[in-house]
């Protein structure tokens, strides 16, 4: 079972084993030592974080243990994906284009700070989060802590790499087609996409595909963070529409086991451990053929239209050249095409709802392949952005953005090459608690991954 980094930090601070200032100083020193090679951060809080740490130490001296009842994350270092606005750190959104959004904390960031968390820095993303890798013109590509020549995934790749390398206790990410779960699987951490609308996304995305969610070392940490992040906000009209049900279901659960096309033998063999863990928890597992046609073409049209709408032609010279292929496709997408894509989405939602009448939870490999080269946007067959296949290699993630269902990726082992493999669990909309509880059961049955080789990431 994996340890809770958040609980470990709380215990350390409660027992006087460290001050918050010392903890933040060590974290900053680790980032300085490792991140020149890792490429997880695009900005670091530095003196601002130390001032917050001093204030947190003052609260602990005055109030003692009682302070954590009101501020459960007091002193915990977290990072925030560079797509998410912050008041005190620049938000480049992975682009050299000017960001004209106001420098204020997005609701999710404000909630972390209100709980006492210290934002240690902003983590790398692709430009506007367009790809499922973390390559941009803002800085070097984010490397996988398990193998620096491999991709960390994306677009929350900086977040996943930072958590994996121990450079923060948790991170805030976004997920529009797999951008939390893909890097979580590639880097061997837990990444959770709550039900659509459970955590406010501000400013909201017109395509209604994007979710805000946490990445952390354990399911318990992700569950605690989600509870802090959740709830409606006036600036996101979709927020609060779905809230996690409180009904607790006893075992055995009905679990549908899916295998998507292109799953490698290495990934399949590693996921057997998760199958065994679910069976050991007493659940009924049934293999299921993927019950829907691949909605990738519709996803491409929706995403490309959104990218085009947010990119005026005069900005093109400063855009990521690979992303421009998507933008230019988006300029050809008609209103009729968008409506056809929305019809695909509605059909998919109906089919998944019927499937969830038969199963409590779906289980599958998060990503069917191992991480590819750090400089690529996908495996060899998807490397050319003009082919518009930049997300096609992740067929198990994007369908659940189109349906808004809660989905989590948890590490379940490593391939013979030593690379992590993630298991994805998916529930019905609103049943976030059931997904988290099932993930915790799997986690309890499996040995935690060892720490990745730290020496490879020293600058």
Protein backbone atom coordinates (compact mmCIF):
# COMPACT_ATOMS: atom_id res chain seq x y z
CA UNK A 1 0.00 0.00 0.00
CA UNK A 2 1.26 3.47 -0.84
CA UNK A 3 1.95 5.97 1.92
CA UNK A 4 0.13 9.27 2.10
CA UNK A 5 2.60 12.06 1.42
CA UNK A 6 0.14 14.57 2.87
CA UNK A 7 -0.36 12.60 6.07
CA UNK A 8 3.40 12.10 6.41
CA UNK A 9 3.94 15.86 6.17
CA UNK A 10 1.19 16.58 8.70
CA UNK A 11 2.74 14.07 11.10
CA UNK A 12 6.21 15.55 10.63
CA UNK A 13 4.99 19.08 11.35
CA UNK A 14 2.76 18.02 14.26
CA UNK A 15 5.56 16.11 15.97
CA UNK A 16 8.08 18.90 15.53
CA UNK A 17 10.24 16.82 13.21
CA UNK A 18 10.43 19.79 10.86
CA UNK A 19 9.24 23.34 10.57
CA UNK A 20 7.30 24.40 7.50
CA UNK A 21 10.17 26.73 6.57
CA UNK A 22 12.66 23.85 6.68
CA UNK A 23 10.32 21.68 4.61
CA UNK A 24 9.87 24.35 1.94
CA UNK A 25 13.60 25.12 1.88
CA UNK A 26 14.35 21.43 1.27
CA UNK A 27 11.72 21.29 -1.45
CA UNK A 28 13.17 24.35 -3.19
CA UNK A 29 16.66 22.86 -2.94
CA UNK A 30 15.45 19.58 -4.48
CA UNK A 31 13.83 21.47 -7.36
CA UNK A 32 17.04 23.43 -7.95
CA UNK A 33 19.05 20.19 -7.96
CA UNK A 34 16.83 18.07 -10.19
CA UNK A 35 14.62 20.21 -12.36
CA UNK A 36 17.21 21.52 -14.81
CA UNK A 37 17.18 17.99 -16.19
CA UNK A 38 13.59 16.99 -15.40
CA UNK A 39 11.86 20.07 -16.83
CA UNK A 40 8.80 19.78 -14.58
CA UNK A 41 8.58 23.44 -13.51
CA UNK A 42 8.26 26.63 -15.53
CA UNK A 43 8.35 28.91 -12.47
CA UNK A 44 9.13 28.47 -8.77
CA UNK A 45 7.67 30.48 -5.90
CA UNK A 46 10.94 30.95 -3.98
CA UNK A 47 10.75 33.80 -1.46
CA UNK A 48 6.98 33.97 -1.68
CA UNK A 49 6.69 30.34 -0.64
CA UNK A 50 9.09 30.91 2.25
CA UNK A 51 7.01 33.83 3.52
CA UNK A 52 3.93 31.62 3.46
CA UNK A 53 5.92 28.94 5.30
CA UNK A 54 6.87 31.40 8.04
CA UNK A 55 3.22 32.36 8.45
CA UNK A 56 2.25 28.67 8.65
CA UNK A 57 4.86 28.06 11.37
CA UNK A 58 3.39 30.97 13.29
CA UNK A 59 -0.08 29.41 13.12
CA UNK A 60 1.27 26.07 14.36
CA UNK A 61 3.02 27.76 17.31
CA UNK A 62 -0.14 29.64 18.29
CA UNK A 63 -2.75 26.95 17.78
CA UNK A 64 -0.96 23.60 17.89
CA UNK A 65 -2.71 20.53 16.49
CA UNK A 66 -6.04 22.37 16.28
CA UNK A 67 -4.82 24.32 13.28
CA UNK A 68 -5.17 21.28 10.97
CA UNK A 69 -8.88 20.97 11.66
CA UNK A 70 -9.44 24.25 9.80
CA UNK A 71 -6.45 24.06 7.43
CA UNK A 72 -5.89 20.35 6.64
CA UNK A 73 -3.15 21.08 4.08
CA UNK A 74 -1.22 23.55 6.23
CA UNK A 75 2.42 23.55 5.14
CA UNK A 76 1.94 21.00 2.35
CA UNK A 77 3.89 21.96 -0.82
CA UNK A 78 1.79 21.65 -3.98
CA UNK A 79 2.31 22.65 -7.59
CA UNK A 80 -0.17 24.03 -10.11
CA UNK A 81 -0.28 23.31 -13.83
CA UNK A 82 0.65 26.32 -15.95
CA UNK A 83 -2.79 26.33 -17.60
CA UNK A 84 -4.40 27.34 -14.29
CA UNK A 85 -4.34 31.00 -13.26
CA UNK A 86 -2.46 32.04 -10.11
CA UNK A 87 -2.23 35.43 -8.44
CA UNK A 88 1.49 35.45 -7.64
CA UNK A 89 3.19 33.33 -10.29
CA UNK A 90 3.09 33.95 -14.05
CA UNK A 91 0.72 31.78 -16.07
CA UNK A 92 2.19 31.33 -19.54
CA UNK A 93 -0.20 28.49 -20.51
CA UNK A 94 2.72 26.79 -22.22
CA UNK A 95 2.91 29.55 -24.83
CA UNK A 96 5.14 32.48 -25.75
CA UNK A 97 1.96 34.36 -26.68
CA UNK A 98 0.82 36.91 -24.11
CA UNK A 99 -1.71 35.66 -21.56
CA UNK A 100 -4.23 38.44 -21.04
CA UNK A 101 -6.22 36.69 -18.34
CA UNK A 102 -6.17 38.46 -14.95
CA UNK A 103 -3.51 37.29 -12.46
CA UNK A 104 -5.90 35.93 -9.84
CA UNK A 105 -6.17 32.50 -8.29
CA UNK A 106 -8.52 30.14 -10.09
CA UNK A 107 -11.13 28.72 -7.67
CA UNK A 108 -9.29 25.41 -7.33
CA UNK A 109 -6.05 27.18 -6.42
CA UNK A 110 -7.85 29.45 -3.95
CA UNK A 111 -9.34 26.38 -2.25
CA UNK A 112 -5.94 24.73 -1.90
CA UNK A 113 -4.51 27.89 -0.36
CA UNK A 114 -7.49 28.27 1.97
CA UNK A 115 -6.75 24.74 3.19
CA UNK A 116 -3.19 25.84 3.99
CA UNK A 117 -1.29 24.43 1.01
CA UNK A 118 1.79 26.30 -0.21
CA UNK A 119 2.01 26.67 -3.98
CA UNK A 120 5.65 25.87 -4.67
CA UNK A 121 5.57 26.52 -8.42
CA UNK A 122 3.87 26.16 -11.80
CA UNK A 123 4.37 22.95 -13.76
CA UNK A 124 4.98 22.56 -17.48
CA UNK A 125 2.33 21.88 -20.10
CA UNK A 126 2.10 21.84 -23.87
CA UNK A 127 0.81 25.04 -25.46
CA UNK A 128 -2.73 25.53 -24.10
CA UNK A 129 -2.61 21.84 -23.20
CA UNK A 130 -3.15 20.84 -26.83
CA UNK A 131 -1.15 17.59 -26.81
CA UNK A 132 -0.82 14.58 -24.54
CA UNK A 133 2.89 15.28 -24.12
CA UNK A 134 4.67 18.17 -22.40
CA UNK A 135 6.58 19.88 -25.17
CA UNK A 136 6.36 23.64 -25.66
CA UNK A 137 8.34 26.70 -26.69
CA UNK A 138 8.40 27.91 -23.08
CA UNK A 139 11.07 25.43 -21.99
CA UNK A 140 12.58 21.99 -22.53
CA UNK A 141 10.33 18.93 -22.73
CA UNK A 142 9.40 17.31 -19.44
CA UNK A 143 11.26 14.04 -18.96
CA UNK A 144 9.99 10.87 -17.38
CA UNK A 145 11.65 10.35 -13.97
CA UNK A 146 11.89 6.61 -14.67
CA UNK A 147 13.79 7.13 -17.93
CA UNK A 148 14.90 10.64 -18.97
CA UNK A 149 14.79 9.66 -22.65
CA UNK A 150 11.07 8.93 -22.40
CA UNK A 151 8.07 11.24 -22.30
CA UNK A 152 6.32 12.10 -19.04
CA UNK A 153 3.07 12.29 -21.00
CA UNK A 154 0.84 15.32 -20.93
CA UNK A 155 -0.45 17.76 -20.96
CA UNK A 156 -0.11 17.67 -17.15
CA UNK A 157 3.31 16.08 -17.60
CA UNK A 158 5.11 18.59 -15.40
CA UNK A 159 2.64 17.89 -12.61
CA UNK A 160 3.09 14.11 -12.78
CA UNK A 161 6.88 14.31 -13.05
CA UNK A 162 7.10 16.69 -10.09
CA UNK A 163 5.03 14.38 -7.87
CA UNK A 164 6.97 11.31 -9.00
CA UNK A 165 10.32 12.96 -8.28
CA UNK A 166 9.17 14.10 -4.83
CA UNK A 167 9.36 17.80 -5.73
CA UNK A 168 5.88 18.43 -4.28
CA UNK A 169 3.37 16.40 -2.32
CA UNK A 170 0.64 16.84 -4.92
CA UNK A 171 -0.22 18.81 -8.01
CA UNK A 172 -3.24 20.38 -9.62
CA UNK A 173 -3.80 19.39 -13.24
CA UNK A 174 -6.35 19.61 -16.01
CA UNK A 175 -7.74 16.86 -18.22
CA UNK A 176 -9.50 17.49 -21.55
CA UNK A 177 -8.80 14.16 -23.24
CA UNK A 178 -6.59 12.32 -20.75
CA UNK A 179 -4.18 15.04 -19.65
CA UNK A 180 -4.18 14.00 -15.97
CA UNK A 181 -4.46 10.24 -16.42
CA UNK A 182 -1.93 9.85 -19.26
CA UNK A 183 1.04 11.38 -17.39
CA UNK A 184 -0.07 9.70 -14.16
CA UNK A 185 0.17 6.34 -15.93
CA UNK A 186 3.48 7.14 -17.63
CA UNK A 187 5.07 8.43 -14.41
CA UNK A 188 3.63 5.95 -11.91
CA UNK A 189 1.44 8.22 -9.75
CA UNK A 190 -2.28 8.56 -9.08
CA UNK A 191 -4.26 10.97 -11.26
CA UNK A 192 -8.00 11.61 -10.86
CA UNK A 193 -10.45 13.23 -13.26
CA UNK A 194 -13.57 13.92 -11.18
CA UNK A 195 -17.03 13.95 -12.71
CA UNK A 196 -17.51 16.89 -15.04
CA UNK A 197 -18.48 19.96 -13.04
CA UNK A 198 -17.55 18.58 -9.64
CA UNK A 199 -14.49 20.88 -9.47
CA UNK A 200 -14.96 24.35 -11.01
CA UNK A 201 -12.96 25.07 -14.16
CA UNK A 202 -12.46 28.83 -14.52
CA UNK A 203 -12.46 30.24 -17.10
CA UNK A 204 -14.64 27.43 -18.46
CA UNK A 205 -13.95 25.75 -21.80
CA UNK A 206 -16.64 26.00 -24.48
CA UNK A 207 -16.03 22.41 -25.60
CA UNK A 208 -17.07 21.17 -22.13
CA UNK A 209 -14.43 18.46 -22.18
CA UNK A 210 -11.99 19.75 -19.55
CA UNK A 211 -11.86 18.76 -15.89
CA UNK A 212 -9.66 20.00 -13.02
CA UNK A 213 -8.26 17.33 -10.75
CA UNK A 214 -5.35 16.27 -8.53
CA UNK A 215 -2.26 14.13 -9.01
CA UNK A 216 -0.59 12.62 -5.96
CA UNK A 217 1.32 9.61 -4.68
CA UNK A 218 -1.68 7.76 -3.21
CA UNK A 219 -5.42 7.35 -3.67
CA UNK A 220 -6.00 8.68 -0.16
CA UNK A 221 -4.21 11.93 -1.01
CA UNK A 222 -6.20 12.31 -4.23
CA UNK A 223 -9.47 11.71 -2.37
CA UNK A 224 -8.62 14.30 0.28
CA UNK A 225 -7.63 16.86 -2.33
CA UNK A 226 -10.78 16.26 -4.37
CA UNK A 227 -12.97 16.88 -1.33
CA UNK A 228 -11.22 20.23 -0.82
CA UNK A 229 -11.46 21.21 -4.49
CA UNK A 230 -15.09 20.22 -5.10
CA UNK A 231 -18.13 22.44 -5.01
CA UNK A 232 -19.90 25.04 -7.13
CA UNK A 233 -18.46 28.40 -8.12
CA UNK A 234 -20.34 31.30 -9.67
CA UNK A 235 -17.84 31.66 -12.54
CA UNK A 236 -18.33 28.09 -13.80
CA UNK A 237 -22.00 27.49 -14.67
CA UNK A 238 -21.38 23.73 -14.93
CA UNK A 239 -19.84 23.42 -11.47
CA UNK A 240 -21.90 21.79 -8.77
CA UNK A 241 -24.09 20.04 -11.33
CA UNK A 242 -22.57 16.71 -10.29
CA UNK A 243 -21.77 15.94 -6.68
CA UNK A 244 -20.46 12.63 -5.44
CA UNK A 245 -23.16 10.34 -4.10
CA UNK A 246 -22.81 9.20 -0.50
CA UNK A 247 -24.34 5.74 -1.01
CA UNK A 248 -21.80 3.09 -0.03
CA UNK A 249 -22.01 -0.18 -1.97
CA UNK A 250 -20.71 -3.35 -0.43
CA UNK A 251 -18.68 -5.94 -2.29
CA UNK A 252 -18.90 -7.65 -4.60
CA UNK A 253 -19.02 -4.92 -7.19
CA UNK A 254 -19.75 -5.73 -10.81
CA UNK A 255 -16.63 -4.74 -12.74
CA UNK A 256 -16.41 -4.73 -16.52
CA UNK A 257 -12.87 -5.36 -17.77
CA UNK A 258 -12.13 -3.71 -21.15
CA UNK A 259 -9.10 -4.03 -23.40
CA UNK A 260 -8.71 -1.37 -26.05
CA UNK A 261 -7.12 -2.05 -29.45
CA UNK A 262 -3.36 -1.71 -29.58
CA UNK A 263 -2.69 -2.83 -26.00
CA UNK A 264 0.87 -4.12 -25.88
CA UNK A 265 1.80 -7.48 -24.40
CA UNK A 266 3.92 -5.73 -21.76
CA UNK A 267 1.03 -3.53 -20.60
CA UNK A 268 -1.42 -6.42 -20.67
CA UNK A 269 0.84 -8.64 -18.56
CA UNK A 270 1.39 -5.89 -15.99
CA UNK A 271 -2.34 -5.22 -15.66
CA UNK A 272 -2.90 -8.84 -14.66
CA UNK A 273 -1.77 -7.78 -11.18
CA UNK A 274 -4.66 -5.33 -11.00
CA UNK A 275 -7.12 -7.98 -12.16
CA UNK A 276 -5.86 -10.24 -9.36
CA UNK A 277 -6.18 -7.41 -6.83
CA UNK A 278 -9.78 -6.70 -7.78
CA UNK A 279 -10.64 -10.38 -7.55
CA UNK A 280 -8.94 -10.60 -4.15
CA UNK A 281 -11.19 -7.78 -2.93
CA UNK A 282 -14.17 -9.99 -3.74
CA UNK A 283 -15.44 -8.27 -6.87
CA UNK A 284 -17.05 -9.97 -9.86
CA UNK A 285 -14.99 -9.24 -12.97
CA UNK A 286 -16.31 -9.84 -16.45
CA UNK A 287 -14.46 -9.23 -19.74
CA UNK A 288 -16.33 -6.78 -21.96
CA UNK A 289 -15.84 -5.92 -25.60
CA UNK A 290 -15.45 -2.17 -26.07
CA UNK A 291 -19.15 -1.35 -26.61
CA UNK A 292 -18.83 1.77 -28.75
CA UNK A 293 -17.17 2.96 -31.93
CA UNK A 294 -14.05 5.03 -31.44
CA UNK A 295 -15.23 8.67 -31.10
CA UNK A 296 -11.81 10.04 -32.05
CA UNK A 297 -12.88 11.80 -35.26
CA UNK A 298 -15.59 13.69 -33.39
CA UNK A 299 -13.15 14.57 -30.61
CA UNK A 300 -10.69 15.98 -33.15
CA UNK A 301 -13.37 18.21 -34.67
CA UNK A 302 -14.47 19.51 -31.27
CA UNK A 303 -10.94 20.16 -30.03
CA UNK A 304 -9.73 21.65 -33.30
CA UNK A 305 -12.72 23.99 -33.53
CA UNK A 306 -12.02 25.17 -29.98
CA UNK A 307 -8.31 25.69 -30.72
CA UNK A 308 -9.16 27.68 -33.85
CA UNK A 309 -11.68 29.83 -31.98
CA UNK A 310 -9.00 30.76 -29.44
CA UNK A 311 -6.25 31.50 -31.97
CA UNK A 312 -6.60 34.58 -34.17
CA UNK A 313 -4.70 34.35 -37.47
CA UNK A 314 -2.29 37.11 -36.46
CA UNK A 315 -1.07 34.91 -33.56
CA UNK A 316 -0.01 32.04 -35.78
CA UNK A 317 3.68 33.04 -36.19
CA UNK A 318 4.17 32.66 -32.43
CA UNK A 319 2.19 29.44 -31.98
CA UNK A 320 3.60 25.97 -31.48
CA UNK A 321 4.11 24.78 -35.09
CA UNK A 322 2.69 21.33 -34.34
CA UNK A 323 -0.41 22.80 -32.71
CA UNK A 324 -0.99 24.92 -35.81
CA UNK A 325 -1.91 21.80 -37.75
CA UNK A 326 -4.80 21.34 -35.33
CA UNK A 327 -5.76 25.04 -35.48
CA UNK A 328 -5.81 25.02 -39.29
CA UNK A 329 -8.00 21.94 -39.32
CA UNK A 330 -10.28 23.72 -36.88
CA UNK A 331 -10.70 26.60 -39.32
CA UNK A 332 -12.23 24.12 -41.80
CA UNK A 333 -14.72 22.66 -39.31
CA UNK A 334 -18.23 23.86 -40.08
CA UNK A 335 -21.11 24.31 -37.68
CA UNK A 336 -22.72 21.25 -39.26
CA UNK A 337 -19.59 19.21 -38.49
CA UNK A 338 -19.60 20.38 -34.88
CA UNK A 339 -23.23 19.34 -34.52
CA UNK A 340 -22.43 15.90 -35.94
CA UNK A 341 -19.61 15.61 -33.39
CA UNK A 342 -22.03 16.57 -30.64
CA UNK A 343 -24.40 13.86 -31.84
CA UNK A 344 -21.54 11.36 -31.52
CA UNK A 345 -21.02 12.60 -27.98
CA UNK A 346 -24.71 12.16 -27.11
CA UNK A 347 -24.74 8.65 -28.55
CA UNK A 348 -21.61 7.76 -26.60
CA UNK A 349 -23.13 9.08 -23.37
CA UNK A 350 -26.25 6.99 -23.92
CA UNK A 351 -24.27 3.82 -24.63
CA UNK A 352 -22.03 4.30 -21.61
CA UNK A 353 -25.04 4.97 -19.41
CA UNK A 354 -26.55 1.67 -20.53
CA UNK A 355 -23.26 -0.09 -19.87
CA UNK A 356 -23.10 1.40 -16.37
CA UNK A 357 -26.52 -0.12 -15.69
CA UNK A 358 -24.73 -3.48 -15.94
CA UNK A 359 -21.49 -2.59 -14.17
CA UNK A 360 -20.59 -0.53 -11.12
CA UNK A 361 -17.06 0.21 -12.36
CA UNK A 362 -15.13 -0.28 -15.59
CA UNK A 363 -11.45 -1.27 -15.50
CA UNK A 364 -8.80 -1.14 -18.22
CA UNK A 365 -5.19 -0.17 -18.91
CA UNK A 366 -5.00 3.62 -18.81
CA UNK A 367 -2.61 3.71 -21.77
CA UNK A 368 -2.11 0.71 -24.07
CA UNK A 369 1.56 1.45 -24.74
CA UNK A 370 4.76 2.32 -22.88
CA UNK A 371 6.07 5.91 -22.88
CA UNK A 372 7.66 6.96 -26.17
CA UNK A 373 10.60 9.29 -26.81
CA UNK A 374 10.70 12.55 -24.87
CA UNK A 375 10.84 14.69 -28.02
CA UNK A 376 7.83 13.04 -29.70
CA UNK A 377 4.11 13.88 -29.47
CA UNK A 378 3.22 10.20 -29.80
CA UNK A 379 4.46 6.82 -31.02
CA UNK A 380 6.01 6.73 -34.49
CA UNK A 381 2.70 6.26 -36.30
CA UNK A 382 1.26 9.39 -34.65
CA UNK A 383 4.29 11.70 -34.72
CA UNK A 384 3.25 13.84 -37.69
CA UNK A 385 0.82 16.50 -36.40
CA UNK A 386 -0.65 17.00 -39.87
CA UNK A 387 -2.11 13.48 -39.64
CA UNK A 388 -4.24 14.68 -36.70
CA UNK A 389 -3.48 11.51 -34.75
CA UNK A 390 -1.91 13.34 -31.81
CA UNK A 391 -4.28 11.72 -29.27
CA UNK A 392 -5.29 8.56 -31.13
CA UNK A 393 -2.80 6.43 -29.20
CA UNK A 394 -4.78 6.95 -25.95
CA UNK A 395 -8.18 5.42 -26.86
CA UNK A 396 -9.15 4.60 -23.27
CA UNK A 397 -9.00 8.15 -21.92
CA UNK A 398 -10.79 10.60 -24.22
CA UNK A 399 -14.17 8.78 -24.42
CA UNK A 400 -14.70 9.53 -20.73
CA UNK A 401 -14.11 13.23 -21.26
CA UNK A 402 -16.88 13.16 -23.82
CA UNK A 403 -19.19 11.51 -21.27
CA UNK A 404 -18.03 13.46 -18.22
CA UNK A 405 -17.53 10.31 -16.13
CA UNK A 406 -15.11 10.13 -13.18
CA UNK A 407 -11.91 8.24 -14.03
CA UNK A 408 -8.74 7.52 -12.09
CA UNK A 409 -5.36 6.11 -13.10
CA UNK A 410 -3.39 4.22 -10.47
CA UNK A 411 0.02 2.57 -10.88
CA UNK A 412 -0.15 -1.23 -10.83
CA UNK A 413 3.39 -2.27 -11.71
CA UNK A 414 6.20 -1.89 -14.20
CA UNK A 415 7.02 -3.47 -17.54
CA UNK A 416 10.22 -5.47 -18.07
CA UNK A 417 11.78 -2.19 -19.24
CA UNK A 418 11.07 -0.72 -15.79
CA UNK A 419 8.37 1.67 -16.98
CA UNK A 420 5.16 2.20 -14.96
CA UNK A 421 1.77 0.95 -16.10
CA UNK A 422 -1.50 2.52 -14.99
CA UNK A 423 -4.90 0.95 -14.42
CA UNK A 424 -7.91 3.15 -15.18
CA UNK A 425 -11.13 2.80 -13.22
CA UNK A 426 -14.27 4.55 -14.47
CA UNK A 427 -17.62 5.06 -12.75
CA UNK A 428 -20.99 6.57 -13.50
CA UNK A 429 -21.30 10.35 -13.48
CA UNK A 430 -21.48 11.51 -9.87
CA UNK A 431 -20.13 8.29 -8.39
CA UNK A 432 -16.65 9.63 -7.72
CA UNK A 433 -16.63 8.06 -4.25
CA UNK A 434 -17.09 4.57 -5.70
CA UNK A 435 -14.21 5.03 -8.15
CA UNK A 436 -11.95 6.27 -5.36
CA UNK A 437 -12.96 3.47 -2.98
CA UNK A 438 -12.32 0.80 -5.62
CA UNK A 439 -8.97 2.35 -6.48
CA UNK A 440 -8.00 2.29 -2.82
CA UNK A 441 -8.82 -1.43 -2.64
CA UNK A 442 -6.52 -2.14 -5.59
CA UNK A 443 -3.80 0.01 -4.05
CA UNK A 444 -4.05 -1.89 -0.75
CA UNK A 445 -3.47 -5.20 -2.54
CA UNK A 446 -0.36 -4.14 -4.47
CA UNK A 447 3.18 -3.36 -3.47
CA UNK A 448 4.07 0.32 -4.01
CA UNK A 449 6.44 1.20 -6.82
CA UNK A 450 9.98 1.93 -5.68
CA UNK A 451 11.23 5.48 -6.06
CA UNK A 452 12.59 6.22 -9.55
CA UNK A 453 16.37 6.56 -9.92
CA UNK A 454 16.92 10.07 -8.53
CA UNK A 455 20.51 10.40 -9.73
CA UNK A 456 19.39 10.49 -13.37
CA UNK A 457 17.59 13.78 -12.75
CA UNK A 458 20.38 15.83 -11.22
CA UNK A 459 21.29 18.90 -13.23
